[in-house]
Amino acid sequence: MTKTWWIGLLVLACAVACDDDDSGSGNATYRCETFVDVWCDKAMSCLQSVGTITESEYAANFDACVDVGVAAARCDRAISVTLDYDPCLAAIDRMACSFLDVPLSEIDQITLPDPCPGVIIVQ
């Protein structure tokens, strides 16, 4: 069964990473979706590592995370990314899984690494 408490974590991540703007162009939708994939992979791998989800639950939770994340990040409205985009992805990859080892009541206090706020520009 898919556990959905982490949706708040994903929406929080997307709210922090996405910024309203009307400048730029390019492969922003793809890059936004990649940001979501990287975040969801890290989060689900860590949730599995700390025992919150099982290996058999990974795929369903990852797919749900991506679906919710793409919608929450408004990837269909992405128009650009900032120069901090690649450092943000690298910082997510380097995050220790202990960032998710918190009580559910504190899940909304988890933040993205410093280079990430505002990296996805949406209309």
Protein backbone atom coordinates (compact mmCIF):
# COMPACT_ATOMS: atom_id res chain seq x y z
CA MET A 1 0.00 0.00 0.00
CA THR A 2 1.28 3.45 -0.90
CA LYS A 3 2.03 5.68 2.06
CA THR A 4 1.05 9.25 1.28
CA TRP A 5 2.26 11.29 4.28
CA TRP A 6 5.35 12.26 2.31
CA ILE A 7 3.22 14.25 -0.16
CA GLY A 8 3.52 17.22 2.20
CA LEU A 9 7.30 16.86 2.04
CA LEU A 10 7.23 16.91 -1.74
CA VAL A 11 4.87 19.85 -1.98
CA LEU A 12 7.10 21.72 0.48
CA ALA A 13 10.16 20.93 -1.65
CA CYS A 14 8.46 22.13 -4.80
CA ALA A 15 7.16 25.26 -3.14
CA VAL A 16 10.69 26.14 -2.07
CA ALA A 17 12.36 25.21 -5.38
CA CYS A 18 9.88 26.85 -7.73
CA ASP A 19 9.71 30.59 -8.25
CA ASP A 20 7.28 32.69 -10.30
CA ASP A 21 8.84 34.63 -13.15
CA ASP A 22 8.16 35.29 -16.80
CA SER A 23 11.63 35.22 -18.33
CA GLY A 24 13.73 32.50 -19.94
CA SER A 25 13.04 29.53 -22.18
CA GLY A 26 14.43 26.15 -23.19
CA ASN A 27 14.08 22.70 -21.78
CA ALA A 28 12.55 23.91 -18.52
CA THR A 29 9.75 21.35 -18.39
CA TYR A 30 12.22 18.50 -18.77
CA ARG A 31 14.54 20.02 -16.17
CA CYS A 32 11.65 20.50 -13.75
CA GLU A 33 10.64 16.86 -14.20
CA THR A 34 14.27 15.84 -13.67
CA PHE A 35 14.37 17.88 -10.44
CA VAL A 36 11.26 16.00 -9.25
CA ASP A 37 12.78 12.64 -10.26
CA VAL A 38 16.00 13.38 -8.38
CA TRP A 39 14.13 14.55 -5.27
CA CYS A 40 11.71 11.59 -5.32
CA ASP A 41 14.50 9.06 -5.87
CA LYS A 42 16.45 10.50 -2.94
CA ALA A 43 13.41 10.70 -0.70
CA MET A 44 12.15 7.19 -1.51
CA SER A 45 15.64 5.66 -1.23
CA CYS A 46 16.05 7.32 2.14
CA LEU A 47 12.58 6.33 3.32
CA GLN A 48 13.47 2.76 2.40
CA SER A 49 16.84 3.08 4.14
CA VAL A 50 15.32 4.31 7.42
CA GLY A 51 12.60 1.65 7.25
CA THR A 52 9.59 3.84 6.53
CA ILE A 53 8.81 1.99 3.30
CA THR A 54 9.84 -1.45 2.12
CA GLU A 55 11.69 -2.34 -1.06
CA SER A 56 8.43 -3.63 -2.53
CA GLU A 57 6.75 -0.28 -1.78
CA TYR A 58 9.49 1.79 -3.44
CA ALA A 59 8.17 1.76 -7.03
CA ALA A 60 4.59 2.69 -6.19
CA ASN A 61 5.73 5.44 -3.82
CA PHE A 62 8.26 6.77 -6.34
CA ASP A 63 5.65 6.90 -9.11
CA ALA A 64 3.16 8.65 -6.84
CA CYS A 65 5.86 11.07 -5.68
CA VAL A 66 6.73 11.98 -9.27
CA ASP A 67 3.07 12.42 -10.26
CA VAL A 68 2.38 14.69 -7.28
CA GLY A 69 5.71 16.47 -7.65
CA VAL A 70 5.30 17.34 -11.32
CA ALA A 71 1.86 18.77 -10.56
CA ALA A 72 2.98 20.61 -7.40
CA ALA A 73 6.05 22.06 -9.11
CA ARG A 74 3.88 23.12 -12.05
CA CYS A 75 6.40 21.64 -14.47
CA ASP A 76 3.99 22.29 -17.33
CA ARG A 77 4.47 26.01 -16.60
CA ALA A 78 8.26 25.90 -16.16
CA ILE A 79 10.01 28.40 -18.38
CA SER A 80 13.59 28.38 -17.11
CA VAL A 81 16.01 27.23 -14.44
CA THR A 82 18.63 29.26 -12.62
CA LEU A 83 22.38 28.71 -12.63
CA ASP A 84 21.94 26.91 -9.29
CA TYR A 85 20.02 24.06 -10.95
CA ASP A 86 22.96 21.63 -11.37
CA PRO A 87 24.44 22.43 -7.93
CA CYS A 88 20.95 21.87 -6.47
CA LEU A 89 20.67 18.38 -7.99
CA ALA A 90 24.17 17.53 -6.74
CA ALA A 91 23.30 18.81 -3.26
CA ILE A 92 20.14 16.68 -3.16
CA ASP A 93 22.19 13.65 -4.17
CA ARG A 94 24.67 14.34 -1.35
CA MET A 95 22.00 14.74 1.35
CA ALA A 96 22.29 12.26 4.21
CA CYS A 97 19.21 10.11 4.68
CA SER A 98 19.00 11.33 8.25
CA PHE A 99 17.15 14.38 6.87
CA LEU A 100 14.06 12.14 6.62
CA ASP A 101 14.51 10.40 9.94
CA VAL A 102 12.15 12.74 11.77
CA PRO A 103 8.76 12.29 13.41
CA LEU A 104 5.86 12.70 11.00
CA SER A 105 4.80 15.79 12.94
CA GLU A 106 8.07 17.46 11.83
CA ILE A 107 8.04 16.42 8.17
CA ASP A 108 6.95 19.91 7.10
CA GLN A 109 10.14 21.35 8.60
CA ILE A 110 12.41 19.54 6.12
CA THR A 111 14.06 21.93 3.71
CA LEU A 112 15.94 21.58 0.46
CA PRO A 113 19.69 22.25 0.38
CA ASP A 114 20.81 25.87 0.02
CA PRO A 115 21.33 25.98 -3.75
CA CYS A 116 17.75 24.80 -4.44
CA PRO A 117 15.31 27.56 -3.47
CA GLY A 118 13.93 29.18 -6.62
CA VAL A 119 15.85 27.03 -9.16
CA ILE A 120 12.75 26.30 -11.26
CA ILE A 121 11.18 29.41 -12.81
CA VAL A 122 7.46 29.03 -13.60
CA GLN A 123 4.89 31.35 -15.16
